[in-house]
Amino acid sequence: MMRKLQRIVPWAGEGEIWAHMERVYDLNSQLSAAGGDPRPLQSPGPILDTHHHLWKIERGDYFWMSRDLEVLYRDYMPEDLEPFLRQAGVTRTILVQAADTEAETEFLLEIAQSCDWVAGVCGWLDMDSD
């Protein structure tokens, strides 16, 4: 089995990753045999998703957003995103600003402090102001 795993993930080298991969491979086999979906377990290690937006409409700085955008016109907060991250096997994510304001950046930084699965924030800063 070790040779199979090394062909799948040759960059991983030797060591602890292989013990993890053997467990994942075994769980995938068990899930498939039971008719389950093993996709969330197929990663050989941590997965970083580099682009997620969260927002709270009442903050009032999403000038691009209108009620016409039905699926978007609601709050999207950490509790909305986290179950999807877990289901997809994503361990960390980067939050990206949805408004060109420093208040938006502060809002995302506050979320990052309270969520261990946020790896960073891509925010906005007015580089022309003092």
N, C-alpha and C. Protein backbone atom coordinates (compact mmCIF):
# COMPACT_ATOMS: atom_id res chain seq x y z
N MET A 1 0.83 -1.19 0.00
CA MET A 1 0.00 0.00 0.00
C MET A 1 0.87 1.26 0.00
N MET A 2 2.01 1.23 0.67
CA MET A 2 2.87 2.40 0.76
C MET A 2 3.31 2.87 -0.62
N ARG A 3 3.66 1.94 -1.50
CA ARG A 3 4.07 2.33 -2.85
C ARG A 3 2.93 3.01 -3.61
N LYS A 4 1.71 2.49 -3.46
CA LYS A 4 0.55 3.12 -4.09
C LYS A 4 0.42 4.57 -3.63
N LEU A 5 0.52 4.76 -2.32
CA LEU A 5 0.37 6.10 -1.77
C LEU A 5 1.48 7.02 -2.25
N GLN A 6 2.69 6.52 -2.37
CA GLN A 6 3.80 7.36 -2.84
C GLN A 6 3.62 7.76 -4.29
N ARG A 7 2.97 6.92 -5.08
CA ARG A 7 2.67 7.29 -6.47
C ARG A 7 1.61 8.37 -6.53
N ILE A 8 0.65 8.33 -5.60
CA ILE A 8 -0.42 9.32 -5.58
C ILE A 8 0.12 10.68 -5.13
N VAL A 9 0.98 10.69 -4.12
CA VAL A 9 1.51 11.93 -3.54
C VAL A 9 3.03 11.84 -3.45
N PRO A 10 3.74 11.87 -4.59
CA PRO A 10 5.19 11.67 -4.56
C PRO A 10 5.95 12.79 -3.86
N TRP A 11 5.41 13.98 -3.78
CA TRP A 11 6.10 15.11 -3.18
C TRP A 11 6.14 15.03 -1.66
N ALA A 12 5.36 14.16 -1.07
CA ALA A 12 5.24 14.15 0.39
C ALA A 12 6.45 13.55 1.09
N GLY A 13 7.24 12.72 0.41
CA GLY A 13 8.42 12.15 1.05
C GLY A 13 8.06 11.07 2.05
N GLU A 14 8.98 10.80 2.94
CA GLU A 14 8.79 9.75 3.95
C GLU A 14 8.27 10.36 5.26
N GLY A 15 7.83 9.52 6.15
CA GLY A 15 7.53 9.98 7.50
C GLY A 15 6.06 9.97 7.86
N GLU A 16 5.69 10.90 8.73
CA GLU A 16 4.37 10.94 9.35
C GLU A 16 3.22 11.04 8.33
N ILE A 17 3.45 11.71 7.22
CA ILE A 17 2.37 11.85 6.23
C ILE A 17 1.86 10.49 5.77
N TRP A 18 2.74 9.50 5.71
CA TRP A 18 2.32 8.19 5.22
C TRP A 18 1.44 7.47 6.22
N ALA A 19 1.69 7.64 7.50
CA ALA A 19 0.81 7.04 8.50
C ALA A 19 -0.58 7.66 8.37
N HIS A 20 -0.63 8.97 8.17
CA HIS A 20 -1.91 9.65 7.96
C HIS A 20 -2.58 9.13 6.69
N MET A 21 -1.82 9.00 5.60
CA MET A 21 -2.39 8.55 4.33
C MET A 21 -2.92 7.12 4.43
N GLU A 22 -2.25 6.26 5.17
CA GLU A 22 -2.75 4.89 5.34
C GLU A 22 -4.11 4.91 6.04
N ARG A 23 -4.24 5.76 7.06
CA ARG A 23 -5.53 5.87 7.75
C ARG A 23 -6.61 6.39 6.80
N VAL A 24 -6.28 7.42 6.01
CA VAL A 24 -7.23 7.99 5.05
C VAL A 24 -7.61 6.94 4.02
N TYR A 25 -6.62 6.22 3.49
CA TYR A 25 -6.88 5.20 2.48
C TYR A 25 -7.81 4.13 3.04
N ASP A 26 -7.56 3.71 4.28
CA ASP A 26 -8.39 2.70 4.92
C ASP A 26 -9.81 3.23 5.14
N LEU A 27 -9.94 4.46 5.61
CA LEU A 27 -11.27 5.04 5.81
C LEU A 27 -12.02 5.21 4.50
N ASN A 28 -11.30 5.63 3.45
CA ASN A 28 -11.94 5.74 2.13
C ASN A 28 -12.48 4.40 1.69
N SER A 29 -11.70 3.34 1.86
CA SER A 29 -12.14 2.00 1.47
C SER A 29 -13.37 1.58 2.25
N GLN A 30 -13.35 1.84 3.55
CA GLN A 30 -14.50 1.47 4.39
C GLN A 30 -15.75 2.26 4.00
N LEU A 31 -15.58 3.56 3.76
CA LEU A 31 -16.73 4.37 3.37
C LEU A 31 -17.29 3.93 2.02
N SER A 32 -16.43 3.67 1.07
CA SER A 32 -16.89 3.23 -0.25
C SER A 32 -17.62 1.91 -0.16
N ALA A 33 -17.09 0.99 0.63
CA ALA A 33 -17.71 -0.33 0.79
C ALA A 33 -19.10 -0.21 1.42
N ALA A 34 -19.28 0.80 2.28
CA ALA A 34 -20.57 0.99 2.94
C ALA A 34 -21.51 1.87 2.11
N GLY A 35 -21.06 2.28 0.91
CA GLY A 35 -21.90 3.12 0.05
C GLY A 35 -21.81 4.59 0.36
N GLY A 36 -20.83 4.99 1.18
CA GLY A 36 -20.67 6.41 1.54
C GLY A 36 -19.81 7.15 0.55
N ASP A 37 -19.69 8.44 0.76
CA ASP A 37 -18.90 9.32 -0.10
C ASP A 37 -17.60 9.66 0.61
N PRO A 38 -16.46 9.12 0.15
CA PRO A 38 -15.19 9.36 0.83
C PRO A 38 -14.48 10.65 0.45
N ARG A 39 -15.05 11.45 -0.44
CA ARG A 39 -14.32 12.62 -0.95
C ARG A 39 -13.75 13.54 0.13
N PRO A 40 -14.46 13.83 1.23
CA PRO A 40 -13.86 14.72 2.22
C PRO A 40 -12.59 14.16 2.85
N LEU A 41 -12.34 12.87 2.72
CA LEU A 41 -11.17 12.27 3.35
C LEU A 41 -10.00 12.06 2.40
N GLN A 42 -10.07 12.51 1.18
CA GLN A 42 -9.06 12.17 0.20
C GLN A 42 -7.81 13.05 0.21
N SER A 43 -7.80 14.07 0.99
CA SER A 43 -6.63 14.95 1.02
C SER A 43 -5.49 14.33 1.80
N PRO A 44 -4.26 14.45 1.30
CA PRO A 44 -3.11 13.93 2.04
C PRO A 44 -2.68 14.84 3.18
N GLY A 45 -3.26 16.01 3.29
CA GLY A 45 -2.86 16.94 4.34
C GLY A 45 -3.81 18.11 4.40
N PRO A 46 -3.40 19.19 5.05
CA PRO A 46 -4.28 20.36 5.17
C PRO A 46 -4.64 20.96 3.81
N ILE A 47 -5.86 21.46 3.72
CA ILE A 47 -6.33 22.13 2.50
C ILE A 47 -6.63 23.58 2.84
N LEU A 48 -6.03 24.51 2.09
CA LEU A 48 -6.27 25.93 2.25
C LEU A 48 -7.10 26.42 1.08
N ASP A 49 -8.29 26.95 1.38
CA ASP A 49 -9.11 27.59 0.35
C ASP A 49 -8.79 29.08 0.41
N THR A 50 -8.41 29.66 -0.70
CA THR A 50 -7.84 31.00 -0.67
C THR A 50 -8.83 32.14 -0.95
N HIS A 51 -10.13 31.86 -0.95
CA HIS A 51 -11.04 32.96 -1.31
C HIS A 51 -12.46 32.70 -0.80
N HIS A 52 -12.80 33.35 0.29
CA HIS A 52 -14.18 33.32 0.80
C HIS A 52 -14.59 34.71 1.23
N HIS A 53 -15.85 35.04 0.95
CA HIS A 53 -16.43 36.31 1.40
C HIS A 53 -17.42 36.03 2.52
N LEU A 54 -17.39 36.85 3.55
CA LEU A 54 -18.42 36.87 4.58
C LEU A 54 -18.88 38.31 4.70
N TRP A 55 -20.16 38.53 5.01
CA TRP A 55 -20.63 39.89 5.18
C TRP A 55 -21.86 39.94 6.07
N LYS A 56 -22.08 41.13 6.58
CA LYS A 56 -23.25 41.42 7.41
C LYS A 56 -23.87 42.69 6.83
N ILE A 57 -25.01 42.54 6.18
CA ILE A 57 -25.62 43.62 5.41
C ILE A 57 -25.83 44.89 6.23
N GLU A 58 -26.24 44.75 7.47
CA GLU A 58 -26.54 45.93 8.29
C GLU A 58 -25.33 46.84 8.51
N ARG A 59 -24.13 46.36 8.21
CA ARG A 59 -22.94 47.20 8.32
C ARG A 59 -23.02 48.37 7.33
N GLY A 60 -23.70 48.19 6.19
CA GLY A 60 -24.03 49.28 5.29
C GLY A 60 -22.98 49.73 4.30
N ASP A 61 -21.92 48.95 4.09
CA ASP A 61 -20.92 49.41 3.11
C ASP A 61 -20.78 48.49 1.89
N TYR A 62 -21.80 47.68 1.65
CA TYR A 62 -21.80 46.82 0.46
C TYR A 62 -22.65 47.51 -0.61
N PHE A 63 -22.08 48.55 -1.19
CA PHE A 63 -22.83 49.40 -2.10
C PHE A 63 -23.24 48.69 -3.39
N TRP A 64 -22.57 47.62 -3.73
CA TRP A 64 -22.87 46.87 -4.93
C TRP A 64 -24.06 45.93 -4.75
N MET A 65 -24.43 45.68 -3.51
CA MET A 65 -25.45 44.68 -3.21
C MET A 65 -26.84 45.30 -3.19
N SER A 66 -27.79 44.60 -3.81
CA SER A 66 -29.18 45.06 -3.79
C SER A 66 -30.10 43.86 -3.57
N ARG A 67 -31.32 44.14 -3.25
CA ARG A 67 -32.31 43.07 -3.02
C ARG A 67 -32.52 42.21 -4.27
N ASP A 68 -32.19 42.74 -5.44
CA ASP A 68 -32.32 41.96 -6.68
C ASP A 68 -31.40 40.74 -6.68
N LEU A 69 -30.34 40.80 -5.93
CA LEU A 69 -29.39 39.67 -5.83
C LEU A 69 -29.85 38.75 -4.71
N GLU A 70 -30.97 38.08 -4.94
CA GLU A 70 -31.67 37.35 -3.89
C GLU A 70 -30.78 36.39 -3.11
N VAL A 71 -30.02 35.56 -3.79
CA VAL A 71 -29.22 34.57 -3.09
C VAL A 71 -28.10 35.20 -2.26
N LEU A 72 -27.67 36.38 -2.66
CA LEU A 72 -26.59 37.07 -1.95
C LEU A 72 -27.09 38.03 -0.87
N TYR A 73 -28.33 38.50 -1.02
CA TYR A 73 -28.83 39.54 -0.14
C TYR A 73 -29.28 38.97 1.21
N ARG A 74 -28.30 38.53 1.96
CA ARG A 74 -28.49 38.07 3.33
C ARG A 74 -27.12 38.04 3.98
N ASP A 75 -27.10 37.95 5.27
CA ASP A 75 -25.82 37.86 5.97
C ASP A 75 -25.17 36.50 5.69
N TYR A 76 -23.86 36.52 5.49
CA TYR A 76 -23.06 35.30 5.39
C TYR A 76 -21.97 35.42 6.45
N MET A 77 -22.10 34.62 7.48
CA MET A 77 -21.22 34.71 8.64
C MET A 77 -20.49 33.37 8.83
N PRO A 78 -19.54 33.32 9.77
CA PRO A 78 -18.76 32.09 9.95
C PRO A 78 -19.60 30.83 10.14
N GLU A 79 -20.69 30.94 10.85
CA GLU A 79 -21.52 29.75 11.09
C GLU A 79 -22.19 29.25 9.81
N ASP A 80 -22.29 30.09 8.80
CA ASP A 80 -22.82 29.66 7.50
C ASP A 80 -21.77 28.92 6.69
N LEU A 81 -20.53 29.36 6.80
CA LEU A 81 -19.44 28.80 5.99
C LEU A 81 -18.82 27.54 6.59
N GLU A 82 -18.67 27.51 7.89
CA GLU A 82 -17.93 26.43 8.53
C GLU A 82 -18.41 25.01 8.18
N PRO A 83 -19.72 24.72 8.16
CA PRO A 83 -20.14 23.36 7.80
C PRO A 83 -19.70 22.94 6.40
N PHE A 84 -19.68 23.88 5.46
CA PHE A 84 -19.26 23.56 4.10
C PHE A 84 -17.75 23.31 4.03
N LEU A 85 -16.99 24.06 4.81
CA LEU A 85 -15.55 23.82 4.88
C LEU A 85 -15.28 22.42 5.40
N ARG A 86 -15.96 22.06 6.48
CA ARG A 86 -15.76 20.71 7.07
C ARG A 86 -16.15 19.62 6.07
N GLN A 87 -17.28 19.78 5.42
CA GLN A 87 -17.75 18.78 4.46
C GLN A 87 -16.75 18.60 3.32
N ALA A 88 -16.13 19.68 2.89
CA ALA A 88 -15.18 19.61 1.77
C ALA A 88 -13.77 19.24 2.23
N GLY A 89 -13.55 19.12 3.53
CA GLY A 89 -12.23 18.78 4.02
C GLY A 89 -11.27 19.96 4.06
N VAL A 90 -11.79 21.17 3.95
CA VAL A 90 -10.96 22.38 4.00
C VAL A 90 -10.62 22.68 5.46
N THR A 91 -9.34 22.84 5.75
CA THR A 91 -8.92 23.08 7.13
C THR A 91 -8.73 24.55 7.45
N ARG A 92 -8.37 25.36 6.46
CA ARG A 92 -8.17 26.80 6.67
C ARG A 92 -8.67 27.55 5.43
N THR A 93 -8.98 28.83 5.61
CA THR A 93 -9.41 29.65 4.49
C THR A 93 -8.89 31.07 4.64
N ILE A 94 -8.90 31.79 3.54
CA ILE A 94 -8.56 33.21 3.52
C ILE A 94 -9.86 33.98 3.27
N LEU A 95 -10.16 34.94 4.14
CA LEU A 95 -11.33 35.78 3.94
C LEU A 95 -10.94 36.96 3.06
N VAL A 96 -11.80 37.31 2.12
CA VAL A 96 -11.54 38.38 1.16
C VAL A 96 -12.62 39.44 1.30
N GLN A 97 -12.21 40.70 1.32
CA GLN A 97 -13.15 41.81 1.50
C GLN A 97 -14.18 41.84 0.37
N ALA A 98 -15.39 42.26 0.75
CA ALA A 98 -16.47 42.42 -0.23
C ALA A 98 -16.88 43.88 -0.35
N ALA A 99 -16.21 44.74 0.40
CA ALA A 99 -16.46 46.19 0.32
C ALA A 99 -15.11 46.90 0.40
N ASP A 100 -14.99 47.97 -0.35
CA ASP A 100 -13.74 48.73 -0.37
C ASP A 100 -13.71 49.75 0.76
N THR A 101 -13.73 49.24 2.00
CA THR A 101 -13.67 50.12 3.16
C THR A 101 -12.75 49.50 4.21
N GLU A 102 -12.15 50.38 5.01
CA GLU A 102 -11.32 49.88 6.10
C GLU A 102 -12.18 49.22 7.18
N ALA A 103 -13.43 49.66 7.30
CA ALA A 103 -14.34 49.03 8.26
C ALA A 103 -14.57 47.56 7.90
N GLU A 104 -14.65 47.27 6.62
CA GLU A 104 -14.80 45.88 6.16
C GLU A 104 -13.58 45.05 6.56
N THR A 105 -12.41 45.62 6.37
CA THR A 105 -11.18 44.92 6.74
C THR A 105 -11.16 44.64 8.24
N GLU A 106 -11.53 45.62 9.05
CA GLU A 106 -11.60 45.43 10.51
C GLU A 106 -12.61 44.34 10.87
N PHE A 107 -13.75 44.35 10.19
CA PHE A 107 -14.79 43.34 10.41
C PHE A 107 -14.23 41.93 10.16
N LEU A 108 -13.51 41.76 9.05
CA LEU A 108 -12.94 40.45 8.73
C LEU A 108 -11.82 40.07 9.69
N LEU A 109 -11.02 41.03 10.12
CA LEU A 109 -9.96 40.74 11.09
C LEU A 109 -10.54 40.28 12.43
N GLU A 110 -11.68 40.85 12.83
CA GLU A 110 -12.35 40.41 14.05
C GLU A 110 -12.82 38.97 13.91
N ILE A 111 -13.38 38.63 12.76
CA ILE A 111 -13.79 37.25 12.52
C ILE A 111 -12.58 36.32 12.59
N ALA A 112 -11.49 36.74 11.97
CA ALA A 112 -10.28 35.91 11.95
C ALA A 112 -9.77 35.62 13.36
N GLN A 113 -9.90 36.58 14.26
CA GLN A 113 -9.45 36.37 15.63
C GLN A 113 -10.30 35.34 16.36
N SER A 114 -11.55 35.20 15.97
CA SER A 114 -12.44 34.30 16.68
C SER A 114 -12.62 32.93 16.01
N CYS A 115 -12.06 32.75 14.81
CA CYS A 115 -12.21 31.48 14.08
C CYS A 115 -10.84 30.89 13.78
N ASP A 116 -10.52 29.76 14.37
CA ASP A 116 -9.20 29.18 14.16
C ASP A 116 -9.00 28.66 12.74
N TRP A 117 -10.06 28.54 11.97
CA TRP A 117 -9.93 28.05 10.59
C TRP A 117 -9.69 29.18 9.58
N VAL A 118 -9.62 30.43 10.05
CA VAL A 118 -9.27 31.54 9.16
C VAL A 118 -7.75 31.72 9.22
N ALA A 119 -7.12 31.52 8.07
CA ALA A 119 -5.66 31.62 7.99
C ALA A 119 -5.20 33.04 7.73
N GLY A 120 -6.06 33.88 7.16
CA GLY A 120 -5.68 35.25 6.86
C GLY A 120 -6.82 36.03 6.27
N VAL A 121 -6.55 37.32 6.05
CA VAL A 121 -7.54 38.25 5.51
C VAL A 121 -6.90 39.03 4.37
N CYS A 122 -7.62 39.11 3.27
CA CYS A 122 -7.24 40.00 2.17
C CYS A 122 -8.20 41.17 2.26
N GLY A 123 -7.73 42.27 2.81
CA GLY A 123 -8.58 43.40 3.08
C GLY A 123 -8.29 44.59 2.17
N TRP A 124 -8.89 45.72 2.53
CA TRP A 124 -8.74 46.94 1.74
C TRP A 124 -8.19 48.02 2.65
N LEU A 125 -7.30 48.83 2.11
CA LEU A 125 -6.71 49.95 2.83
C LEU A 125 -6.57 51.11 1.86
N ASP A 126 -7.02 52.29 2.28
CA ASP A 126 -6.91 53.47 1.44
C ASP A 126 -5.46 53.96 1.45
N MET A 127 -4.74 53.66 0.39
CA MET A 127 -3.33 54.01 0.31
C MET A 127 -3.10 55.49 -0.03
N ASP A 128 -4.16 56.22 -0.39
CA ASP A 128 -4.03 57.64 -0.73
C ASP A 128 -4.26 58.56 0.46
N SER A 129 -4.85 58.03 1.52
CA SER A 129 -5.13 58.90 2.68
C SER A 129 -3.94 58.90 3.64
N ASP A 130 -3.98 59.86 4.56
CA ASP A 130 -2.88 59.97 5.54
C ASP A 130 -3.07 59.01 6.66
